[in-house]
């Protein structure tokens, strides 16, 4: 049960990052968008890397 909850939390975190990215992409500042995308991708990579339940 603990493993299932842990996976669901990580999936919710990814969904939250997707929503943030979608909202911020309306910002006209390209540099801000690029920095945000890099930040989201790095956080996603670390989330997957640190979770043994992702293959």
C-alpha atoms as a PDB file:
ATOM      1  CA  UNK A   1       0.000   0.000   0.000  1.00  0.00           C
ATOM      2  CA  UNK A   2       2.815   2.423   0.812  1.00  0.00           C
ATOM      3  CA  UNK A   3       4.388   1.879  -2.598  1.00  0.00           C
ATOM      4  CA  UNK A   4       1.117   2.625  -4.375  1.00  0.00           C
ATOM      5  CA  UNK A   5       0.655   5.867  -2.436  1.00  0.00           C
ATOM      6  CA  UNK A   6       4.224   6.910  -3.213  1.00  0.00           C
ATOM      7  CA  UNK A   7       3.664   6.399  -6.945  1.00  0.00           C
ATOM      8  CA  UNK A   8       0.403   8.355  -6.884  1.00  0.00           C
ATOM      9  CA  UNK A   9       2.088  11.273  -5.123  1.00  0.00           C
ATOM     10  CA  UNK A  10       4.799  11.374  -7.757  1.00  0.00           C
ATOM     11  CA  UNK A  11       2.235  11.270 -10.561  1.00  0.00           C
ATOM     12  CA  UNK A  12       0.360  14.127  -8.888  1.00  0.00           C
ATOM     13  CA  UNK A  13       3.606  16.076  -8.672  1.00  0.00           C
ATOM     14  CA  UNK A  14       4.178  15.555 -12.399  1.00  0.00           C
ATOM     15  CA  UNK A  15       0.627  16.717 -13.162  1.00  0.00           C
ATOM     16  CA  UNK A  16       1.221  19.838 -11.059  1.00  0.00           C
ATOM     17  CA  UNK A  17       4.419  20.559 -12.995  1.00  0.00           C
ATOM     18  CA  UNK A  18       2.531  20.184 -16.267  1.00  0.00           C
ATOM     19  CA  UNK A  19      -0.119  22.672 -15.090  1.00  0.00           C
ATOM     20  CA  UNK A  20       2.562  25.133 -13.991  1.00  0.00           C
ATOM     21  CA  UNK A  21       4.325  24.815 -17.322  1.00  0.00           C
ATOM     22  CA  UNK A  22       1.084  25.351 -19.241  1.00  0.00           C
ATOM     23  CA  UNK A  23       0.227  28.460 -17.196  1.00  0.00           C
ATOM     24  CA  UNK A  24       3.694  29.992 -17.447  1.00  0.00           C
ATOM     25  CA  UNK A  25       4.034  29.475 -21.208  1.00  0.00           C
ATOM     26  CA  UNK A  26       1.603  32.360 -21.723  1.00  0.00           C
ATOM     27  CA  UNK A  27       4.385  34.653 -20.408  1.00  0.00           C
ATOM     28  CA  UNK A  28       5.876  36.595 -23.344  1.00  0.00           C
ATOM     29  CA  UNK A  29       9.398  36.429 -21.939  1.00  0.00           C
ATOM     30  CA  UNK A  30      11.150  33.659 -23.841  1.00  0.00           C
ATOM     31  CA  UNK A  31      14.063  33.468 -21.401  1.00  0.00           C
ATOM     32  CA  UNK A  32      11.648  32.890 -18.538  1.00  0.00           C
ATOM     33  CA  UNK A  33       9.926  30.120 -20.472  1.00  0.00           C
ATOM     34  CA  UNK A  34      13.202  28.389 -21.319  1.00  0.00           C
ATOM     35  CA  UNK A  35      14.368  28.557 -17.698  1.00  0.00           C
ATOM     36  CA  UNK A  36      11.029  27.184 -16.515  1.00  0.00           C
ATOM     37  CA  UNK A  37      11.117  24.300 -18.997  1.00  0.00           C
ATOM     38  CA  UNK A  38      14.659  23.387 -17.924  1.00  0.00           C
ATOM     39  CA  UNK A  39      13.611  23.503 -14.270  1.00  0.00           C
ATOM     40  CA  UNK A  40      10.563  21.308 -14.872  1.00  0.00           C
ATOM     41  CA  UNK A  41      12.550  18.769 -16.883  1.00  0.00           C
ATOM     42  CA  UNK A  42      15.266  18.601 -14.224  1.00  0.00           C
ATOM     43  CA  UNK A  43      12.731  18.106 -11.439  1.00  0.00           C
ATOM     44  CA  UNK A  44      10.950  15.427 -13.475  1.00  0.00           C
ATOM     45  CA  UNK A  45      14.246  13.665 -14.188  1.00  0.00           C
ATOM     46  CA  UNK A  46      15.176  13.688 -10.495  1.00  0.00           C
ATOM     47  CA  UNK A  47      11.726  12.464  -9.477  1.00  0.00           C
ATOM     48  CA  UNK A  48      11.961   9.504 -11.831  1.00  0.00           C
ATOM     49  CA  UNK A  49      15.610   8.804 -10.985  1.00  0.00           C
ATOM     50  CA  UNK A  50      14.907   8.752  -7.246  1.00  0.00           C
ATOM     51  CA  UNK A  51      11.821   6.550  -7.549  1.00  0.00           C
ATOM     52  CA  UNK A  52      12.563   2.837  -8.025  1.00  0.00           C
ATOM     53  CA  UNK A  53       8.983   2.257  -9.187  1.00  0.00           C
ATOM     54  CA  UNK A  54       9.561   4.056 -12.472  1.00  0.00           C
ATOM     55  CA  UNK A  55      11.211   1.922 -15.119  1.00  0.00           C
END
